[in-house]
């Protein structure tokens, strides 16, 4: 039967890192162990990078856009921010309209795009 000390040592998990040929042994924090998994960003999902108000929408469902084309203008803190297309593609859906108030990371536009663009 394992003692309390042995059980405690079993719960502690060390990780080994090798950096520039030097081996390091470290404990990972609970915050690190419980972090959410990385999800690769889809460049066709246009989200608000700052809370604000939509003042102009040029994007329309079914419209073909090229990288850099104006999609909309988002006003935040009395500054107007141009939202441009990051990819070539066709607009699948526009989730906002003029005078909508958006929060940070709110989905505004979906663009179908080629994976290799």
N, C-alpha and C. Protein backbone atom coordinates (compact mmCIF):
# COMPACT_ATOMS: atom_id res chain seq x y z
N UNK A 1 0.85 -1.18 0.00
CA UNK A 1 0.00 0.00 0.00
C UNK A 1 0.89 1.24 0.00
N UNK A 2 0.54 2.20 -0.84
CA UNK A 2 1.35 3.42 -0.99
C UNK A 2 1.06 4.38 0.15
N UNK A 3 2.12 5.03 0.62
CA UNK A 3 1.96 6.02 1.68
C UNK A 3 1.40 7.31 1.09
N UNK A 4 0.99 8.25 1.97
CA UNK A 4 0.45 9.54 1.52
C UNK A 4 1.48 10.30 0.70
N UNK A 5 2.73 10.23 1.13
CA UNK A 5 3.79 10.94 0.42
C UNK A 5 3.95 10.39 -1.00
N UNK A 6 3.90 9.07 -1.14
CA UNK A 6 4.03 8.45 -2.46
C UNK A 6 2.86 8.82 -3.36
N UNK A 7 1.63 8.87 -2.78
CA UNK A 7 0.46 9.26 -3.56
C UNK A 7 0.58 10.70 -4.04
N UNK A 8 1.08 11.57 -3.15
CA UNK A 8 1.25 12.98 -3.52
C UNK A 8 2.27 13.11 -4.64
N UNK A 9 3.35 12.36 -4.55
CA UNK A 9 4.38 12.41 -5.59
C UNK A 9 3.86 11.88 -6.92
N UNK A 10 2.92 10.91 -6.87
CA UNK A 10 2.33 10.39 -8.10
C UNK A 10 1.52 11.46 -8.82
N UNK A 11 0.87 12.35 -8.07
CA UNK A 11 0.03 13.40 -8.65
C UNK A 11 0.88 14.50 -9.29
N UNK A 12 2.08 14.70 -8.79
CA UNK A 12 2.94 15.75 -9.34
C UNK A 12 3.52 15.24 -10.65
N UNK A 13 3.26 15.98 -11.71
CA UNK A 13 3.76 15.58 -13.03
C UNK A 13 4.75 16.63 -13.51
N UNK A 14 5.93 16.20 -13.77
CA UNK A 14 6.96 17.09 -14.29
C UNK A 14 6.94 17.04 -15.81
N UNK A 15 7.28 18.14 -16.41
CA UNK A 15 7.45 18.19 -17.86
C UNK A 15 8.90 18.49 -18.15
N UNK A 16 9.39 17.91 -19.21
CA UNK A 16 10.77 18.13 -19.60
C UNK A 16 10.80 18.93 -20.89
N UNK A 17 11.59 19.99 -20.89
CA UNK A 17 11.77 20.82 -22.07
C UNK A 17 13.23 20.77 -22.47
N UNK A 18 13.49 20.76 -23.76
CA UNK A 18 14.86 20.84 -24.24
C UNK A 18 14.96 22.09 -25.09
N UNK A 19 15.78 23.03 -24.63
CA UNK A 19 15.96 24.31 -25.33
C UNK A 19 17.44 24.48 -25.60
N UNK A 20 17.78 24.63 -26.88
CA UNK A 20 19.17 24.78 -27.30
C UNK A 20 20.07 23.69 -26.71
N UNK A 21 19.55 22.47 -26.67
CA UNK A 21 20.34 21.35 -26.19
C UNK A 21 20.39 21.20 -24.68
N UNK A 22 19.83 22.15 -23.94
CA UNK A 22 19.82 22.07 -22.48
C UNK A 22 18.46 21.53 -22.03
N UNK A 23 18.50 20.55 -21.14
CA UNK A 23 17.29 19.91 -20.66
C UNK A 23 16.82 20.58 -19.38
N UNK A 24 15.54 20.94 -19.33
CA UNK A 24 14.94 21.57 -18.16
C UNK A 24 13.77 20.72 -17.70
N UNK A 25 13.62 20.61 -16.40
CA UNK A 25 12.51 19.88 -15.80
C UNK A 25 11.68 20.89 -15.03
N UNK A 26 10.38 20.93 -15.28
CA UNK A 26 9.56 21.96 -14.67
C UNK A 26 8.19 21.41 -14.27
N UNK A 27 7.56 22.12 -13.36
CA UNK A 27 6.18 21.82 -12.97
C UNK A 27 5.26 22.75 -13.74
N UNK A 28 4.18 22.22 -14.26
CA UNK A 28 3.21 23.05 -14.96
C UNK A 28 2.14 23.50 -13.97
N UNK A 29 1.77 24.78 -14.02
CA UNK A 29 0.76 25.31 -13.11
C UNK A 29 -0.62 24.78 -13.49
N UNK A 30 -1.54 24.83 -12.53
CA UNK A 30 -2.92 24.42 -12.81
C UNK A 30 -3.52 25.30 -13.91
N UNK A 31 -3.19 26.59 -13.88
CA UNK A 31 -3.69 27.51 -14.90
C UNK A 31 -3.26 27.05 -16.29
N UNK A 32 -2.01 26.61 -16.41
CA UNK A 32 -1.52 26.13 -17.70
C UNK A 32 -2.20 24.83 -18.09
N UNK A 33 -2.32 23.91 -17.13
CA UNK A 33 -2.92 22.61 -17.43
C UNK A 33 -4.39 22.74 -17.83
N UNK A 34 -5.10 23.71 -17.26
CA UNK A 34 -6.54 23.87 -17.49
C UNK A 34 -6.87 24.90 -18.57
N UNK A 35 -5.87 25.38 -19.30
CA UNK A 35 -6.11 26.40 -20.32
C UNK A 35 -6.97 25.82 -21.45
N UNK A 36 -7.66 26.70 -22.16
CA UNK A 36 -8.45 26.23 -23.30
C UNK A 36 -7.51 25.93 -24.46
N UNK A 37 -7.90 24.98 -25.25
CA UNK A 37 -7.06 24.56 -26.38
C UNK A 37 -7.04 25.64 -27.45
N UNK A 38 -5.91 25.76 -28.13
CA UNK A 38 -5.74 26.73 -29.20
C UNK A 38 -6.63 26.35 -30.38
N UNK A 39 -7.37 27.33 -30.89
CA UNK A 39 -8.16 27.11 -32.09
C UNK A 39 -7.66 28.07 -33.15
N UNK A 40 -7.28 27.49 -34.28
CA UNK A 40 -6.77 28.32 -35.36
C UNK A 40 -7.87 29.25 -35.86
N UNK A 41 -7.53 30.50 -36.05
CA UNK A 41 -8.49 31.51 -36.48
C UNK A 41 -8.84 31.31 -37.95
N UNK A 42 -10.13 31.37 -38.26
CA UNK A 42 -10.58 31.30 -39.64
C UNK A 42 -10.61 32.73 -40.18
N UNK A 43 -9.77 33.05 -41.17
CA UNK A 43 -9.73 34.42 -41.67
C UNK A 43 -11.02 34.87 -42.34
N UNK A 44 -11.92 33.92 -42.65
CA UNK A 44 -13.20 34.28 -43.26
C UNK A 44 -14.25 34.70 -42.25
N UNK A 45 -13.96 34.57 -40.97
CA UNK A 45 -14.88 34.99 -39.92
C UNK A 45 -14.42 36.35 -39.42
N UNK A 46 -15.11 37.40 -39.82
CA UNK A 46 -14.71 38.76 -39.47
C UNK A 46 -15.40 39.14 -38.16
N UNK A 47 -14.59 39.36 -37.13
CA UNK A 47 -15.12 39.70 -35.80
C UNK A 47 -14.69 41.11 -35.42
N UNK A 48 -15.49 41.73 -34.56
CA UNK A 48 -15.16 43.07 -34.08
C UNK A 48 -13.92 43.00 -33.21
N UNK A 49 -12.93 43.83 -33.52
CA UNK A 49 -11.69 43.84 -32.73
C UNK A 49 -11.78 44.82 -31.58
N UNK A 50 -12.86 45.61 -31.54
CA UNK A 50 -13.09 46.59 -30.48
C UNK A 50 -14.60 46.82 -30.41
N UNK A 51 -15.17 47.09 -29.23
CA UNK A 51 -16.59 47.40 -29.17
C UNK A 51 -16.87 48.73 -29.87
N UNK A 52 -18.01 48.84 -30.51
CA UNK A 52 -18.33 50.09 -31.19
C UNK A 52 -19.66 50.03 -31.92
N UNK A 53 -19.86 51.00 -32.81
CA UNK A 53 -21.09 51.13 -33.58
C UNK A 53 -20.78 51.03 -35.07
N UNK A 54 -21.58 50.28 -35.79
CA UNK A 54 -21.41 50.15 -37.24
C UNK A 54 -21.97 51.42 -37.89
N UNK A 55 -21.15 52.13 -38.66
CA UNK A 55 -21.61 53.36 -39.31
C UNK A 55 -21.75 53.23 -40.82
N UNK A 56 -21.14 52.21 -41.42
CA UNK A 56 -21.27 51.98 -42.86
C UNK A 56 -21.07 50.50 -43.13
N UNK A 57 -21.92 49.94 -44.01
CA UNK A 57 -21.78 48.54 -44.41
C UNK A 57 -21.77 48.48 -45.93
N UNK A 58 -20.68 48.01 -46.48
CA UNK A 58 -20.56 47.82 -47.94
C UNK A 58 -20.75 46.35 -48.32
N UNK A 59 -20.60 45.47 -47.35
CA UNK A 59 -20.70 44.03 -47.60
C UNK A 59 -22.15 43.63 -47.85
N UNK A 60 -22.35 42.77 -48.83
CA UNK A 60 -23.66 42.23 -49.16
C UNK A 60 -23.52 40.73 -49.40
N UNK A 61 -24.52 39.98 -48.97
CA UNK A 61 -24.51 38.52 -49.17
C UNK A 61 -24.35 38.22 -50.66
N UNK A 62 -23.44 37.30 -50.98
CA UNK A 62 -23.21 36.89 -52.36
C UNK A 62 -22.21 37.74 -53.12
N UNK A 63 -21.77 38.85 -52.54
CA UNK A 63 -20.82 39.74 -53.21
C UNK A 63 -19.42 39.14 -53.17
N UNK A 64 -18.73 39.20 -54.32
CA UNK A 64 -17.34 38.72 -54.40
C UNK A 64 -16.44 39.85 -53.89
N UNK A 65 -15.51 39.51 -52.99
CA UNK A 65 -14.57 40.49 -52.45
C UNK A 65 -13.14 40.01 -52.65
N UNK A 66 -12.25 40.96 -52.71
CA UNK A 66 -10.82 40.66 -52.78
C UNK A 66 -10.17 41.14 -51.49
N UNK A 67 -9.03 40.58 -51.18
CA UNK A 67 -8.29 41.00 -49.99
C UNK A 67 -8.07 42.50 -50.04
N UNK A 68 -8.43 43.19 -48.95
CA UNK A 68 -8.25 44.64 -48.86
C UNK A 68 -9.50 45.44 -49.19
N UNK A 69 -10.53 44.80 -49.76
CA UNK A 69 -11.77 45.52 -50.08
C UNK A 69 -12.46 45.99 -48.81
N UNK A 70 -13.07 47.18 -48.86
CA UNK A 70 -13.80 47.73 -47.72
C UNK A 70 -15.07 46.91 -47.48
N UNK A 71 -15.24 46.44 -46.26
CA UNK A 71 -16.44 45.70 -45.88
C UNK A 71 -17.39 46.58 -45.08
N UNK A 72 -16.82 47.34 -44.14
CA UNK A 72 -17.64 48.20 -43.28
C UNK A 72 -16.76 49.17 -42.53
N UNK A 73 -17.42 50.10 -41.84
CA UNK A 73 -16.72 51.05 -40.99
C UNK A 73 -17.31 50.92 -39.59
N UNK A 74 -16.43 50.76 -38.61
CA UNK A 74 -16.81 50.59 -37.21
C UNK A 74 -16.31 51.80 -36.44
N UNK A 75 -17.22 52.49 -35.77
CA UNK A 75 -16.83 53.67 -34.98
C UNK A 75 -16.69 53.27 -33.52
N UNK A 76 -15.55 53.62 -32.94
CA UNK A 76 -15.30 53.33 -31.53
C UNK A 76 -14.52 54.49 -30.93
N UNK A 77 -14.98 55.00 -29.83
CA UNK A 77 -14.33 56.12 -29.13
C UNK A 77 -14.09 57.30 -30.08
N UNK A 78 -15.13 57.62 -30.88
CA UNK A 78 -15.12 58.75 -31.82
C UNK A 78 -14.09 58.59 -32.93
N UNK A 79 -13.60 57.38 -33.13
CA UNK A 79 -12.67 57.11 -34.23
C UNK A 79 -13.31 56.09 -35.16
N UNK A 80 -13.17 56.33 -36.45
CA UNK A 80 -13.73 55.40 -37.44
C UNK A 80 -12.65 54.42 -37.88
N UNK A 81 -12.98 53.14 -37.79
CA UNK A 81 -12.05 52.07 -38.14
C UNK A 81 -12.58 51.33 -39.37
N UNK A 82 -11.77 51.28 -40.41
CA UNK A 82 -12.14 50.56 -41.63
C UNK A 82 -11.93 49.07 -41.40
N UNK A 83 -12.95 48.29 -41.75
CA UNK A 83 -12.85 46.84 -41.67
C UNK A 83 -12.74 46.34 -43.11
N UNK A 84 -11.57 45.81 -43.45
CA UNK A 84 -11.29 45.35 -44.82
C UNK A 84 -11.26 43.83 -44.86
N UNK A 85 -11.51 43.28 -46.03
CA UNK A 85 -11.49 41.83 -46.20
C UNK A 85 -10.06 41.30 -46.08
N UNK A 86 -9.85 40.30 -45.23
CA UNK A 86 -8.51 39.72 -45.11
C UNK A 86 -8.23 38.66 -46.18
N UNK A 87 -9.27 38.26 -46.94
CA UNK A 87 -9.13 37.19 -47.93
C UNK A 87 -9.95 37.49 -49.18
N UNK A 88 -9.64 36.78 -50.26
CA UNK A 88 -10.49 36.79 -51.45
C UNK A 88 -11.60 35.77 -51.21
N UNK A 89 -12.83 36.10 -51.63
CA UNK A 89 -13.91 35.14 -51.47
C UNK A 89 -15.26 35.75 -51.76
N UNK A 90 -16.31 35.03 -51.33
CA UNK A 90 -17.69 35.46 -51.52
C UNK A 90 -18.33 35.59 -50.14
N UNK A 91 -19.03 36.69 -49.92
CA UNK A 91 -19.66 36.93 -48.62
C UNK A 91 -20.82 35.95 -48.44
N UNK A 92 -20.73 35.15 -47.38
CA UNK A 92 -21.77 34.17 -47.07
C UNK A 92 -22.90 34.81 -46.27
N UNK A 93 -22.54 35.63 -45.27
CA UNK A 93 -23.57 36.22 -44.41
C UNK A 93 -23.04 37.48 -43.76
N UNK A 94 -23.93 38.49 -43.65
CA UNK A 94 -23.61 39.73 -42.94
C UNK A 94 -24.50 39.74 -41.70
N UNK A 95 -23.88 39.78 -40.53
CA UNK A 95 -24.62 39.69 -39.27
C UNK A 95 -24.97 41.04 -38.66
N UNK A 96 -24.51 42.13 -39.25
CA UNK A 96 -24.74 43.46 -38.67
C UNK A 96 -25.31 44.41 -39.72
N UNK A 97 -25.88 45.52 -39.23
CA UNK A 97 -26.36 46.57 -40.11
C UNK A 97 -25.96 47.91 -39.51
N UNK A 98 -26.17 48.98 -40.26
CA UNK A 98 -25.81 50.33 -39.80
C UNK A 98 -26.53 50.62 -38.48
N UNK A 99 -25.80 51.23 -37.56
CA UNK A 99 -26.21 51.63 -36.21
C UNK A 99 -26.27 50.47 -35.21
N UNK A 100 -25.92 49.25 -35.62
CA UNK A 100 -25.81 48.15 -34.66
C UNK A 100 -24.62 48.43 -33.74
N UNK A 101 -24.79 48.11 -32.47
CA UNK A 101 -23.69 48.20 -31.50
C UNK A 101 -23.12 46.80 -31.36
N UNK A 102 -21.81 46.68 -31.55
CA UNK A 102 -21.15 45.38 -31.47
C UNK A 102 -20.20 45.33 -30.29
N UNK A 103 -20.05 44.14 -29.74
CA UNK A 103 -19.10 43.94 -28.65
C UNK A 103 -17.83 43.32 -29.23
N UNK A 104 -16.76 43.37 -28.45
CA UNK A 104 -15.49 42.80 -28.89
C UNK A 104 -15.66 41.32 -29.21
N UNK A 105 -15.07 40.88 -30.31
CA UNK A 105 -15.10 39.49 -30.79
C UNK A 105 -16.46 39.03 -31.30
N UNK A 106 -17.41 39.96 -31.49
CA UNK A 106 -18.71 39.60 -32.05
C UNK A 106 -18.54 39.34 -33.55
N UNK A 107 -19.12 38.24 -34.03
CA UNK A 107 -19.05 37.90 -35.45
C UNK A 107 -19.87 38.91 -36.26
N UNK A 108 -19.24 39.53 -37.27
CA UNK A 108 -19.93 40.54 -38.08
C UNK A 108 -20.19 40.05 -39.50
N UNK A 109 -19.22 39.36 -40.10
CA UNK A 109 -19.34 38.91 -41.49
C UNK A 109 -18.69 37.55 -41.64
N UNK A 110 -19.29 36.70 -42.49
CA UNK A 110 -18.70 35.41 -42.84
C UNK A 110 -18.36 35.44 -44.33
N UNK A 111 -17.15 35.04 -44.67
CA UNK A 111 -16.71 34.99 -46.06
C UNK A 111 -16.27 33.57 -46.40
N UNK A 112 -16.84 33.02 -47.49
CA UNK A 112 -16.36 31.74 -48.01
C UNK A 112 -15.11 32.05 -48.81
N UNK A 113 -14.02 31.37 -48.50
CA UNK A 113 -12.75 31.66 -49.16
C UNK A 113 -12.02 30.38 -49.49
N UNK A 114 -11.09 30.49 -50.42
CA UNK A 114 -10.24 29.36 -50.78
C UNK A 114 -9.26 29.15 -49.63
N UNK A 115 -9.04 27.91 -49.23
CA UNK A 115 -8.13 27.61 -48.13
C UNK A 115 -6.70 28.01 -48.42
N UNK A 116 -6.30 28.04 -49.69
CA UNK A 116 -4.92 28.35 -50.03
C UNK A 116 -4.71 29.81 -50.38
N UNK A 117 -5.69 30.67 -50.15
CA UNK A 117 -5.51 32.09 -50.48
C UNK A 117 -4.88 32.86 -49.37
